[in-house]
Amino acid sequence: LKELRSTPAPTRAFAVVMLVRLEKIKVPEEISVNPYSDVTPQIWAYKQIAAARAAGIIRSAKYFRPFEQLDKQTAVMFLSGINRVREKISGL
């Protein structure tokens, strides 16, 4: 029998990229303001993280911590942000 192993959680950056794609949020070609001091243009998810912040999906202070594993609390926060954006669009 193979040993059962748990799959590691995705990173915060990966989770945001997936949400941006699923919600079809427009990702700008150019980012005029970097929303987080720890998210630089060299990070592969830079534009998606900036787009999610601009759309209101993510609202955190100074740091995003893109390479940390996604925990349950942060996942709920991101999903809450999706609901907030949907409500804003639908005018509820």
C-alpha atoms as a PDB file:
ATOM      1  CA  LEU A   1       0.000   0.000   0.000  1.00  0.00           C
ATOM      2  CA  LYS A   2       1.140   3.455  -0.784  1.00  0.00           C
ATOM      3  CA  GLU A   3       1.515   5.840   2.069  1.00  0.00           C
ATOM      4  CA  LEU A   4      -1.222   8.458   2.189  1.00  0.00           C
ATOM      5  CA  ARG A   5       0.149  11.942   1.911  1.00  0.00           C
ATOM      6  CA  SER A   6      -1.608  15.218   2.192  1.00  0.00           C
ATOM      7  CA  THR A   7      -1.222  17.644  -0.642  1.00  0.00           C
ATOM      8  CA  PRO A   8       0.323  20.939   0.407  1.00  0.00           C
ATOM      9  CA  ALA A   9      -1.940  23.964   0.288  1.00  0.00           C
ATOM     10  CA  PRO A  10      -1.487  26.315  -2.650  1.00  0.00           C
ATOM     11  CA  THR A  11       0.259  29.610  -2.122  1.00  0.00           C
ATOM     12  CA  ARG A  12      -1.662  32.826  -1.619  1.00  0.00           C
ATOM     13  CA  ALA A  13      -0.452  34.014  -5.046  1.00  0.00           C
ATOM     14  CA  PHE A  14      -1.703  30.860  -6.771  1.00  0.00           C
ATOM     15  CA  ALA A  15      -5.100  31.145  -5.077  1.00  0.00           C
ATOM     16  CA  VAL A  16      -5.525  34.749  -6.187  1.00  0.00           C
ATOM     17  CA  VAL A  17      -4.548  33.925  -9.763  1.00  0.00           C
ATOM     18  CA  MET A  18      -7.181  31.168  -9.840  1.00  0.00           C
ATOM     19  CA  LEU A  19      -9.869  33.495  -8.443  1.00  0.00           C
ATOM     20  CA  VAL A  20      -9.020  36.225 -10.951  1.00  0.00           C
ATOM     21  CA  ARG A  21      -9.293  33.709 -13.784  1.00  0.00           C
ATOM     22  CA  LEU A  22     -12.517  32.136 -12.501  1.00  0.00           C
ATOM     23  CA  GLU A  23     -14.172  35.516 -12.014  1.00  0.00           C
ATOM     24  CA  LYS A  24     -12.819  36.818 -15.339  1.00  0.00           C
ATOM     25  CA  ILE A  25     -11.397  39.945 -13.738  1.00  0.00           C
ATOM     26  CA  LYS A  26      -9.621  42.180 -16.204  1.00  0.00           C
ATOM     27  CA  VAL A  27      -5.869  42.105 -15.678  1.00  0.00           C
ATOM     28  CA  PRO A  28      -4.254  45.358 -16.821  1.00  0.00           C
ATOM     29  CA  GLU A  29      -1.154  45.388 -19.001  1.00  0.00           C
ATOM     30  CA  GLU A  30       0.457  48.101 -16.901  1.00  0.00           C
ATOM     31  CA  ILE A  31       0.245  48.515 -13.133  1.00  0.00           C
ATOM     32  CA  SER A  32       0.547  52.161 -12.084  1.00  0.00           C
ATOM     33  CA  VAL A  33       0.572  51.578  -8.326  1.00  0.00           C
ATOM     34  CA  ASN A  34       2.087  48.571  -6.611  1.00  0.00           C
ATOM     35  CA  PRO A  35      -0.489  47.618  -3.962  1.00  0.00           C
ATOM     36  CA  TYR A  36       1.928  45.654  -1.751  1.00  0.00           C
ATOM     37  CA  SER A  37       5.541  46.224  -0.816  1.00  0.00           C
ATOM     38  CA  ASP A  38       6.280  42.476  -0.948  1.00  0.00           C
ATOM     39  CA  VAL A  39       4.782  41.954  -4.418  1.00  0.00           C
ATOM     40  CA  THR A  40       7.239  43.072  -7.073  1.00  0.00           C
ATOM     41  CA  PRO A  41       6.881  43.044 -10.867  1.00  0.00           C
ATOM     42  CA  GLN A  42       9.259  40.058 -10.955  1.00  0.00           C
ATOM     43  CA  ILE A  43       6.679  37.843  -9.214  1.00  0.00           C
ATOM     44  CA  TRP A  44       4.787  35.721 -11.732  1.00  0.00           C
ATOM     45  CA  ALA A  45       1.381  36.666 -10.251  1.00  0.00           C
ATOM     46  CA  TYR A  46       2.108  40.397  -9.923  1.00  0.00           C
ATOM     47  CA  LYS A  47      -0.569  41.643 -12.330  1.00  0.00           C
ATOM     48  CA  GLN A  48      -3.251  39.278 -11.045  1.00  0.00           C
ATOM     49  CA  ILE A  49      -2.589  40.257  -7.432  1.00  0.00           C
ATOM     50  CA  ALA A  50      -2.813  43.941  -8.379  1.00  0.00           C
ATOM     51  CA  ALA A  51      -6.035  43.288 -10.321  1.00  0.00           C
ATOM     52  CA  ALA A  52      -7.581  41.412  -7.380  1.00  0.00           C
ATOM     53  CA  ARG A  53      -6.667  44.268  -5.047  1.00  0.00           C
ATOM     54  CA  ALA A  54      -8.107  46.866  -7.436  1.00  0.00           C
ATOM     55  CA  ALA A  55     -11.326  44.839  -7.796  1.00  0.00           C
ATOM     56  CA  GLY A  56     -11.709  44.559  -4.020  1.00  0.00           C
ATOM     57  CA  ILE A  57     -11.216  40.817  -3.730  1.00  0.00           C
ATOM     58  CA  ILE A  58      -8.274  41.217  -1.420  1.00  0.00           C
ATOM     59  CA  ARG A  59      -7.951  43.936   1.159  1.00  0.00           C
ATOM     60  CA  SER A  60      -4.949  43.690   3.351  1.00  0.00           C
ATOM     61  CA  ALA A  61      -2.597  46.229   4.762  1.00  0.00           C
ATOM     62  CA  LYS A  62       0.985  46.607   3.659  1.00  0.00           C
ATOM     63  CA  TYR A  63       1.980  43.017   2.883  1.00  0.00           C
ATOM     64  CA  PHE A  64       0.391  40.273   0.795  1.00  0.00           C
ATOM     65  CA  ARG A  65       2.855  37.410   1.499  1.00  0.00           C
ATOM     66  CA  PRO A  66       2.456  35.778  -1.950  1.00  0.00           C
ATOM     67  CA  PHE A  67       4.573  32.690  -1.235  1.00  0.00           C
ATOM     68  CA  GLU A  68       2.917  31.674   2.029  1.00  0.00           C
ATOM     69  CA  GLN A  69       0.618  28.690   1.908  1.00  0.00           C
ATOM     70  CA  LEU A  70      -3.049  29.532   1.784  1.00  0.00           C
ATOM     71  CA  ASP A  71      -4.708  28.918   5.136  1.00  0.00           C
ATOM     72  CA  LYS A  72      -8.424  28.487   5.770  1.00  0.00           C
ATOM     73  CA  GLN A  73      -8.886  31.971   7.203  1.00  0.00           C
ATOM     74  CA  THR A  74      -7.294  33.620   4.170  1.00  0.00           C
ATOM     75  CA  ALA A  75      -9.286  31.428   1.775  1.00  0.00           C
ATOM     76  CA  VAL A  76     -12.505  32.552   3.450  1.00  0.00           C
ATOM     77  CA  MET A  77     -11.330  36.168   3.250  1.00  0.00           C
ATOM     78  CA  PHE A  78     -10.666  35.820  -0.500  1.00  0.00           C
ATOM     79  CA  LEU A  79     -14.052  34.164  -1.092  1.00  0.00           C
ATOM     80  CA  SER A  80     -15.725  36.905   0.909  1.00  0.00           C
ATOM     81  CA  GLY A  81     -14.014  39.387  -1.384  1.00  0.00           C
ATOM     82  CA  ILE A  82     -15.520  37.605  -4.401  1.00  0.00           C
ATOM     83  CA  ASN A  83     -18.980  37.947  -2.856  1.00  0.00           C
ATOM     84  CA  ARG A  84     -18.336  41.628  -2.143  1.00  0.00           C
ATOM     85  CA  VAL A  85     -17.370  42.220  -5.786  1.00  0.00           C
ATOM     86  CA  ARG A  86     -20.396  40.301  -7.069  1.00  0.00           C
ATOM     87  CA  GLU A  87     -22.726  42.308  -4.817  1.00  0.00           C
ATOM     88  CA  LYS A  88     -21.172  45.562  -6.010  1.00  0.00           C
ATOM     89  CA  ILE A  89     -21.644  44.558  -9.641  1.00  0.00           C
ATOM     90  CA  SER A  90     -25.236  43.431  -9.166  1.00  0.00           C
ATOM     91  CA  GLY A  91     -26.103  46.528  -7.116  1.00  0.00           C
ATOM     92  CA  LEU A  92     -27.255  44.672  -4.010  1.00  0.00           C
END
